[in-house]
Amino acid sequence: FISSLADDTPEGKSTVDLAVRRFGFAEGNRRGGARFV
């Protein structure tokens, strides 16, 4: 989930969606101060 937050590909978006559906992760509190690779 965390490694896919900046991934706008269909694969990245589907990974985020699956993690949210399965475990209820919230996206907002993960972006502060992060450096995306």
All heavy atoms as atom14 arrays in JSON, in Angstrom:
{
  "sequence": "FISSLADDTPEGKSTVDLAVRRFGFAEGNRRGGARFV",
  "atom14_mask": [
    [1, 1, 1, 1, 1, 1, 1, 1, 1, 1, 1, 0, 0, 0],
    [1, 1, 1, 1, 1, 1, 1, 1, 0, 0, 0, 0, 0, 0],
    [1, 1, 1, 1, 1, 1, 0, 0, 0, 0, 0, 0, 0, 0],
    [1, 1, 1, 1, 1, 1, 0, 0, 0, 0, 0, 0, 0, 0],
    [1, 1, 1, 1, 1, 1, 1, 1, 0, 0, 0, 0, 0, 0],
    [1, 1, 1, 1, 1, 0, 0, 0, 0, 0, 0, 0, 0, 0],
    [1, 1, 1, 1, 1, 1, 1, 1, 0, 0, 0, 0, 0, 0],
    [1, 1, 1, 1, 1, 1, 1, 1, 0, 0, 0, 0, 0, 0],
    [1, 1, 1, 1, 1, 1, 1, 0, 0, 0, 0, 0, 0, 0],
    [1, 1, 1, 1, 1, 1, 1, 0, 0, 0, 0, 0, 0, 0],
    [1, 1, 1, 1, 1, 1, 1, 1, 1, 0, 0, 0, 0, 0],
    [1, 1, 1, 1, 0, 0, 0, 0, 0, 0, 0, 0, 0, 0],
    [1, 1, 1, 1, 1, 1, 1, 1, 1, 0, 0, 0, 0, 0],
    [1, 1, 1, 1, 1, 1, 0, 0, 0, 0, 0, 0, 0, 0],
    [1, 1, 1, 1, 1, 1, 1, 0, 0, 0, 0, 0, 0, 0],
    [1, 1, 1, 1, 1, 1, 1, 0, 0, 0, 0, 0, 0, 0],
    [1, 1, 1, 1, 1, 1, 1, 1, 0, 0, 0, 0, 0, 0],
    [1, 1, 1, 1, 1, 1, 1, 1, 0, 0, 0, 0, 0, 0],
    [1, 1, 1, 1, 1, 0, 0, 0, 0, 0, 0, 0, 0, 0],
    [1, 1, 1, 1, 1, 1, 1, 0, 0, 0, 0, 0, 0, 0],
    [1, 1, 1, 1, 1, 1, 1, 1, 1, 1, 1, 0, 0, 0],
    [1, 1, 1, 1, 1, 1, 1, 1, 1, 1, 1, 0, 0, 0],
    [1, 1, 1, 1, 1, 1, 1, 1, 1, 1, 1, 0, 0, 0],
    [1, 1, 1, 1, 0, 0, 0, 0, 0, 0, 0, 0, 0, 0],
    [1, 1, 1, 1, 1, 1, 1, 1, 1, 1, 1, 0, 0, 0],
    [1, 1, 1, 1, 1, 0, 0, 0, 0, 0, 0, 0, 0, 0],
    [1, 1, 1, 1, 1, 1, 1, 1, 1, 0, 0, 0, 0, 0],
    [1, 1, 1, 1, 0, 0, 0, 0, 0, 0, 0, 0, 0, 0],
    [1, 1, 1, 1, 1, 1, 1, 1, 0, 0, 0, 0, 0, 0],
    [1, 1, 1, 1, 1, 1, 1, 1, 1, 1, 1, 0, 0, 0],
    [1, 1, 1, 1, 1, 1, 1, 1, 1, 1, 1, 0, 0, 0],
    [1, 1, 1, 1, 0, 0, 0, 0, 0, 0, 0, 0, 0, 0],
    [1, 1, 1, 1, 0, 0, 0, 0, 0, 0, 0, 0, 0, 0],
    [1, 1, 1, 1, 1, 0, 0, 0, 0, 0, 0, 0, 0, 0],
    [1, 1, 1, 1, 1, 1, 1, 1, 1, 1, 1, 0, 0, 0],
    [1, 1, 1, 1, 1, 1, 1, 1, 1, 1, 1, 0, 0, 0],
    [1, 1, 1, 1, 1, 1, 1, 0, 0, 0, 0, 0, 0, 0]
  ],
  "atom14_positions": [
    [[0.83, -1.2, 0.0], [0.0, 0.0, 0.0], [0.87, 1.26, 0.0], [0.69, 2.17, -0.82], [-0.91, -0.04, 1.23], [-1.68, 1.23, 1.48], [-2.81, 1.54, 0.73], [-1.27, 2.11, 2.46], [-3.51, 2.72, 0.97], [-1.97, 3.28, 2.71], [-3.09, 3.59, 1.95], [0.0, 0.0, 0.0], [0.0, 0.0, 0.0], [0.0, 0.0, 0.0]],
    [[1.84, 1.31, 0.91], [2.68, 2.51, 1.03], [3.54, 2.69, -0.21], [3.69, 3.81, -0.72], [3.56, 2.41, 2.3], [2.68, 2.41, 3.55], [4.56, 3.56, 2.36], [3.43, 2.14, 4.84], [0.0, 0.0, 0.0], [0.0, 0.0, 0.0], [0.0, 0.0, 0.0], [0.0, 0.0, 0.0], [0.0, 0.0, 0.0], [0.0, 0.0, 0.0]],
    [[4.1, 1.6, -0.74], [4.98, 1.72, -1.91], [4.21, 2.05, -3.18], [4.82, 2.42, -4.19], [5.77, 0.42, -2.11], [4.89, -0.66, -2.32], [0.0, 0.0, 0.0], [0.0, 0.0, 0.0], [0.0, 0.0, 0.0], [0.0, 0.0, 0.0], [0.0, 0.0, 0.0], [0.0, 0.0, 0.0], [0.0, 0.0, 0.0], [0.0, 0.0, 0.0]],
    [[2.86, 1.96, -3.15], [2.04, 2.22, -4.34], [1.33, 3.55, -4.3], [0.6, 3.9, -5.24], [1.0, 1.1, -4.52], [1.62, -0.15, -4.67], [0.0, 0.0, 0.0], [0.0, 0.0, 0.0], [0.0, 0.0, 0.0], [0.0, 0.0, 0.0], [0.0, 0.0, 0.0], [0.0, 0.0, 0.0], [0.0, 0.0, 0.0], [0.0, 0.0, 0.0]],
    [[1.52, 4.34, -3.21], [0.76, 5.57, -3.07], [1.02, 6.56, -4.21], [0.12, 7.3, -4.6], [1.09, 6.24, -1.72], [0.49, 5.56, -0.49], [0.97, 6.24, 0.79], [-1.03, 5.6, -0.57], [0.0, 0.0, 0.0], [0.0, 0.0, 0.0], [0.0, 0.0, 0.0], [0.0, 0.0, 0.0], [0.0, 0.0, 0.0], [0.0, 0.0, 0.0]],
    [[2.24, 6.57, -4.73], [2.56, 7.5, -5.81], [2.53, 6.85, -7.18], [2.93, 7.45, -8.17], [3.94, 8.11, -5.57], [0.0, 0.0, 0.0], [0.0, 0.0, 0.0], [0.0, 0.0, 0.0], [0.0, 0.0, 0.0], [0.0, 0.0, 0.0], [0.0, 0.0, 0.0], [0.0, 0.0, 0.0], [0.0, 0.0, 0.0], [0.0, 0.0, 0.0]],
    [[2.08, 5.61, -7.22], [2.04, 4.86, -8.48], [0.68, 5.05, -9.14], [-0.33, 4.52, -8.68], [2.29, 3.37, -8.19], [2.46, 2.55, -9.46], [2.19, 3.08, -10.55], [2.84, 1.37, -9.34], [0.0, 0.0, 0.0], [0.0, 0.0, 0.0], [0.0, 0.0, 0.0], [0.0, 0.0, 0.0], [0.0, 0.0, 0.0], [0.0, 0.0, 0.0]],
    [[0.64, 5.83, -10.23], [-0.63, 6.12, -10.9], [-0.97, 5.11, -12.0], [-1.92, 5.32, -12.75], [-0.6, 7.53, -11.51], [-0.65, 8.6, -10.43], [-1.26, 8.34, -9.38], [-0.07, 9.68, -10.65], [0.0, 0.0, 0.0], [0.0, 0.0, 0.0], [0.0, 0.0, 0.0], [0.0, 0.0, 0.0], [0.0, 0.0, 0.0], [0.0, 0.0, 0.0]],
    [[-0.2, 4.06, -12.1], [-0.52, 3.04, -13.1], [-1.74, 2.25, -12.63], [-2.06, 2.23, -11.44], [0.66, 2.08, -13.3], [0.88, 1.35, -12.08], [1.91, 2.84, -13.7], [0.0, 0.0, 0.0], [0.0, 0.0, 0.0], [0.0, 0.0, 0.0], [0.0, 0.0, 0.0], [0.0, 0.0, 0.0], [0.0, 0.0, 0.0], [0.0, 0.0, 0.0]],
    [[-2.43, 1.56, -13.55], [-3.57, 0.72, -13.13], [-3.17, -0.31, -12.09], [-3.93, -0.6, -11.17], [-4.02, 0.06, -14.43], [-3.59, 1.01, -15.51], [-2.3, 1.6, -15.03], [0.0, 0.0, 0.0], [0.0, 0.0, 0.0], [0.0, 0.0, 0.0], [0.0, 0.0, 0.0], [0.0, 0.0, 0.0], [0.0, 0.0, 0.0], [0.0, 0.0, 0.0]],
    [[-1.93, -0.85, -12.21], [-1.47, -1.85, -11.23], [-1.31, -1.22, -9.86], [-1.72, -1.8, -8.84], [-0.14, -2.46, -11.7], [-0.23, -3.28, -12.97], [-0.12, -2.44, -14.23], [-0.09, -1.19, -14.11], [-0.07, -3.02, -15.33], [0.0, 0.0, 0.0], [0.0, 0.0, 0.0], [0.0, 0.0, 0.0], [0.0, 0.0, 0.0], [0.0, 0.0, 0.0]],
    [[-0.71, -0.01, -9.83], [-0.53, 0.66, -8.55], [-1.84, 1.04, -7.89], [-2.03, 0.85, -6.68], [0.0, 0.0, 0.0], [0.0, 0.0, 0.0], [0.0, 0.0, 0.0], [0.0, 0.0, 0.0], [0.0, 0.0, 0.0], [0.0, 0.0, 0.0], [0.0, 0.0, 0.0], [0.0, 0.0, 0.0], [0.0, 0.0, 0.0], [0.0, 0.0, 0.0]],
    [[-2.76, 1.6, -8.68], [-4.06, 1.98, -8.14], [-4.82, 0.77, -7.62], [-5.48, 0.83, -6.58], [-4.88, 2.7, -9.21], [-4.33, 4.07, -9.58], [-5.17, 4.72, -10.68], [-4.65, 6.1, -11.03], [-5.42, 6.72, -12.13], [0.0, 0.0, 0.0], [0.0, 0.0, 0.0], [0.0, 0.0, 0.0], [0.0, 0.0, 0.0], [0.0, 0.0, 0.0]],
    [[-4.74, -0.35, -8.34], [-5.48, -1.54, -7.9], [-4.87, -2.11, -6.62], [-5.59, -2.68, -5.79], [-5.47, -2.59, -9.01], [-4.18, -3.14, -9.21], [0.0, 0.0, 0.0], [0.0, 0.0, 0.0], [0.0, 0.0, 0.0], [0.0, 0.0, 0.0], [0.0, 0.0, 0.0], [0.0, 0.0, 0.0], [0.0, 0.0, 0.0], [0.0, 0.0, 0.0]],
    [[-3.54, -1.94, -6.45], [-2.9, -2.4, -5.21], [-3.4, -1.6, -4.02], [-3.73, -2.16, -2.96], [-1.37, -2.27, -5.33], [-0.91, -3.09, -6.41], [-0.68, -2.71, -4.04], [0.0, 0.0, 0.0], [0.0, 0.0, 0.0], [0.0, 0.0, 0.0], [0.0, 0.0, 0.0], [0.0, 0.0, 0.0], [0.0, 0.0, 0.0], [0.0, 0.0, 0.0]],
    [[-3.48, -0.29, -4.2], [-4.0, 0.57, -3.13], [-5.45, 0.21, -2.83], [-5.85, 0.08, -1.66], [-3.87, 2.06, -3.53], [-4.61, 2.95, -2.53], [-2.42, 2.46, -3.63], [0.0, 0.0, 0.0], [0.0, 0.0, 0.0], [0.0, 0.0, 0.0], [0.0, 0.0, 0.0], [0.0, 0.0, 0.0], [0.0, 0.0, 0.0], [0.0, 0.0, 0.0]],
    [[-6.26, 0.04, -3.86], [-7.67, -0.28, -3.67], [-7.84, -1.6, -2.93], [-8.69, -1.72, -2.03], [-8.38, -0.36, -5.03], [-8.52, 0.99, -5.69], [-8.39, 2.0, -4.99], [-8.75, 1.04, -6.92], [0.0, 0.0, 0.0], [0.0, 0.0, 0.0], [0.0, 0.0, 0.0], [0.0, 0.0, 0.0], [0.0, 0.0, 0.0], [0.0, 0.0, 0.0]],
    [[-7.05, -2.61, -3.31], [-7.17, -3.91, -2.65], [-6.78, -3.82, -1.18], [-7.45, -4.39, -0.31], [-6.29, -4.94, -3.38], [-6.32, -6.36, -2.79], [-7.72, -6.96, -2.89], [-5.3, -7.27, -3.51], [0.0, 0.0, 0.0], [0.0, 0.0, 0.0], [0.0, 0.0, 0.0], [0.0, 0.0, 0.0], [0.0, 0.0, 0.0], [0.0, 0.0, 0.0]],
    [[-5.71, -3.06, -0.89], [-5.28, -2.92, 0.51], [-6.33, -2.18, 1.34], [-6.59, -2.53, 2.5], [-3.95, -2.17, 0.56], [0.0, 0.0, 0.0], [0.0, 0.0, 0.0], [0.0, 0.0, 0.0], [0.0, 0.0, 0.0], [0.0, 0.0, 0.0], [0.0, 0.0, 0.0], [0.0, 0.0, 0.0], [0.0, 0.0, 0.0], [0.0, 0.0, 0.0]],
    [[-6.95, -1.17, 0.74], [-8.0, -0.43, 1.45], [-9.2, -1.33, 1.71], [-9.78, -1.32, 2.81], [-8.41, 0.82, 0.64], [-9.65, 1.46, 1.23], [-7.26, 1.83, 0.59], [0.0, 0.0, 0.0], [0.0, 0.0, 0.0], [0.0, 0.0, 0.0], [0.0, 0.0, 0.0], [0.0, 0.0, 0.0], [0.0, 0.0, 0.0], [0.0, 0.0, 0.0]],
    [[-9.58, -2.12, 0.71], [-10.74, -3.01, 0.89], [-10.46, -4.09, 1.93], [-11.34, -4.41, 2.73], [-11.1, -3.68, -0.45], [-11.69, -2.75, -1.48], [-12.44, -3.55, -2.56], [-11.68, -4.67, -3.07], [-10.83, -4.61, -4.1], [-10.63, -3.44, -4.71], [-10.19, -5.67, -4.51], [0.0, 0.0, 0.0], [0.0, 0.0, 0.0], [0.0, 0.0, 0.0]],
    [[-9.26, -4.64, 1.91], [-8.96, -5.76, 2.8], [-8.67, -5.32, 4.23], [-9.08, -5.99, 5.19], [-7.75, -6.54, 2.26], [-8.0, -7.27, 0.94], [-8.98, -8.44, 1.13], [-8.5, -9.38, 2.11], [-7.64, -10.38, 1.85], [-7.2, -10.54, 0.61], [-7.26, -11.21, 2.8], [0.0, 0.0, 0.0], [0.0, 0.0, 0.0], [0.0, 0.0, 0.0]],
    [[-7.94, -4.21, 4.39], [-7.47, -3.85, 5.73], [-7.83, -2.44, 6.16], [-7.46, -2.01, 7.27], [-5.95, -4.05, 5.81], [-5.52, -5.48, 5.59], [-5.01, -5.88, 4.36], [-5.67, -6.43, 6.59], [-4.62, -7.2, 4.14], [-5.28, -7.75, 6.39], [-4.76, -8.14, 5.16], [0.0, 0.0, 0.0], [0.0, 0.0, 0.0], [0.0, 0.0, 0.0]],
    [[-8.52, -1.69, 5.31], [-8.99, -0.37, 5.7], [-7.92, 0.67, 5.9], [-8.1, 1.6, 6.71], [0.0, 0.0, 0.0], [0.0, 0.0, 0.0], [0.0, 0.0, 0.0], [0.0, 0.0, 0.0], [0.0, 0.0, 0.0], [0.0, 0.0, 0.0], [0.0, 0.0, 0.0], [0.0, 0.0, 0.0], [0.0, 0.0, 0.0], [0.0, 0.0, 0.0]],
    [[-6.78, 0.55, 5.19], [-5.73, 1.56, 5.33], [-6.24, 2.92, 4.82], [-6.99, 2.99, 3.86], [-4.49, 1.16, 4.52], [-3.82, -0.1, 5.03], [-3.48, -1.12, 4.15], [-3.56, -0.27, 6.38], [-2.87, -2.27, 4.61], [-2.95, -1.42, 6.84], [-2.61, -2.42, 5.96], [0.0, 0.0, 0.0], [0.0, 0.0, 0.0], [0.0, 0.0, 0.0]],
    [[-5.76, 3.99, 5.48], [-6.13, 5.34, 5.08], [-4.94, 5.98, 4.37], [-3.8, 5.89, 4.84], [-6.54, 6.17, 6.29], [0.0, 0.0, 0.0], [0.0, 0.0, 0.0], [0.0, 0.0, 0.0], [0.0, 0.0, 0.0], [0.0, 0.0, 0.0], [0.0, 0.0, 0.0], [0.0, 0.0, 0.0], [0.0, 0.0, 0.0], [0.0, 0.0, 0.0]],
    [[-5.22, 6.64, 3.24], [-4.14, 7.17, 2.41], [-3.57, 8.49, 2.95], [-2.39, 8.75, 2.85], [-4.66, 7.39, 0.99], [-3.6, 7.82, 0.01], [-4.14, 7.89, -1.41], [-5.18, 7.26, -1.68], [-3.52, 8.59, -2.23], [0.0, 0.0, 0.0], [0.0, 0.0, 0.0], [0.0, 0.0, 0.0], [0.0, 0.0, 0.0], [0.0, 0.0, 0.0]],
    [[-4.4, 9.31, 3.57], [-4.01, 10.68, 3.9], [-2.81, 10.8, 4.81], [-1.92, 11.62, 4.59], [0.0, 0.0, 0.0], [0.0, 0.0, 0.0], [0.0, 0.0, 0.0], [0.0, 0.0, 0.0], [0.0, 0.0, 0.0], [0.0, 0.0, 0.0], [0.0, 0.0, 0.0], [0.0, 0.0, 0.0], [0.0, 0.0, 0.0], [0.0, 0.0, 0.0]],
    [[-2.74, 9.97, 5.86], [-1.7, 10.14, 6.86], [-0.38, 9.47, 6.48], [0.5, 9.35, 7.29], [-2.18, 9.59, 8.21], [-2.52, 8.11, 8.13], [-2.38, 7.5, 7.09], [-2.97, 7.55, 9.26], [0.0, 0.0, 0.0], [0.0, 0.0, 0.0], [0.0, 0.0, 0.0], [0.0, 0.0, 0.0], [0.0, 0.0, 0.0], [0.0, 0.0, 0.0]],
    [[-0.25, 9.02, 5.24], [0.96, 8.33, 4.84], [1.88, 9.2, 3.99], [2.96, 8.8, 3.65], [0.6, 7.07, 4.05], [-0.23, 6.05, 4.83], [0.6, 5.32, 5.84], [-0.17, 4.32, 6.56], [0.37, 3.52, 7.48], [1.64, 3.63, 7.79], [-0.38, 2.63, 8.11], [0.0, 0.0, 0.0], [0.0, 0.0, 0.0], [0.0, 0.0, 0.0]],
    [[1.43, 10.38, 3.59], [2.18, 11.16, 2.61], [3.12, 12.2, 3.22], [4.03, 12.67, 2.55], [1.2, 11.88, 1.66], [0.47, 10.93, 0.74], [-0.35, 11.7, -0.27], [-1.0, 10.81, -1.23], [-0.45, 10.42, -2.37], [0.77, 10.82, -2.68], [-1.09, 9.62, -3.19], [0.0, 0.0, 0.0], [0.0, 0.0, 0.0], [0.0, 0.0, 0.0]],
    [[2.91, 12.55, 4.47], [3.7, 13.63, 5.06], [5.19, 13.34, 5.09], [5.64, 12.36, 5.69], [0.0, 0.0, 0.0], [0.0, 0.0, 0.0], [0.0, 0.0, 0.0], [0.0, 0.0, 0.0], [0.0, 0.0, 0.0], [0.0, 0.0, 0.0], [0.0, 0.0, 0.0], [0.0, 0.0, 0.0], [0.0, 0.0, 0.0], [0.0, 0.0, 0.0]],
    [[6.0, 14.2, 4.47], [7.46, 14.06, 4.49], [8.0, 12.9, 3.7], [9.2, 12.59, 3.81], [0.0, 0.0, 0.0], [0.0, 0.0, 0.0], [0.0, 0.0, 0.0], [0.0, 0.0, 0.0], [0.0, 0.0, 0.0], [0.0, 0.0, 0.0], [0.0, 0.0, 0.0], [0.0, 0.0, 0.0], [0.0, 0.0, 0.0], [0.0, 0.0, 0.0]],
    [[7.2, 12.23, 2.93], [7.65, 11.06, 2.18], [8.37, 11.48, 0.91], [8.06, 12.5, 0.3], [6.47, 10.17, 1.85], [0.0, 0.0, 0.0], [0.0, 0.0, 0.0], [0.0, 0.0, 0.0], [0.0, 0.0, 0.0], [0.0, 0.0, 0.0], [0.0, 0.0, 0.0], [0.0, 0.0, 0.0], [0.0, 0.0, 0.0], [0.0, 0.0, 0.0]],
    [[9.37, 10.66, 0.51], [10.06, 10.86, -0.77], [9.73, 9.67, -1.66], [10.03, 8.53, -1.33], [11.57, 10.95, -0.57], [12.33, 11.26, -1.87], [13.83, 11.34, -1.6], [14.39, 10.03, -1.3], [14.81, 9.16, -2.24], [14.71, 9.47, -3.53], [15.31, 8.0, -1.87], [0.0, 0.0, 0.0], [0.0, 0.0, 0.0], [0.0, 0.0, 0.0]],
    [[9.06, 9.95, -2.77], [8.63, 8.88, -3.65], [9.71, 8.53, -4.65], [10.36, 9.41, -5.25], [7.35, 9.28, -4.38], [6.19, 9.52, -3.45], [5.74, 10.8, -3.19], [5.57, 8.46, -2.81], [4.7, 11.03, -2.32], [4.53, 8.68, -1.94], [4.08, 9.97, -1.69], [0.0, 0.0, 0.0], [0.0, 0.0, 0.0], [0.0, 0.0, 0.0]],
    [[9.91, 7.25, -4.85], [10.9, 6.73, -5.8], [10.16, 6.22, -7.02], [9.46, 5.2, -6.94], [11.74, 5.6, -5.17], [12.77, 5.08, -6.18], [12.41, 6.08, -3.89], [0.0, 0.0, 0.0], [0.0, 0.0, 0.0], [0.0, 0.0, 0.0], [0.0, 0.0, 0.0], [0.0, 0.0, 0.0], [0.0, 0.0, 0.0], [0.0, 0.0, 0.0]]
  ]
}
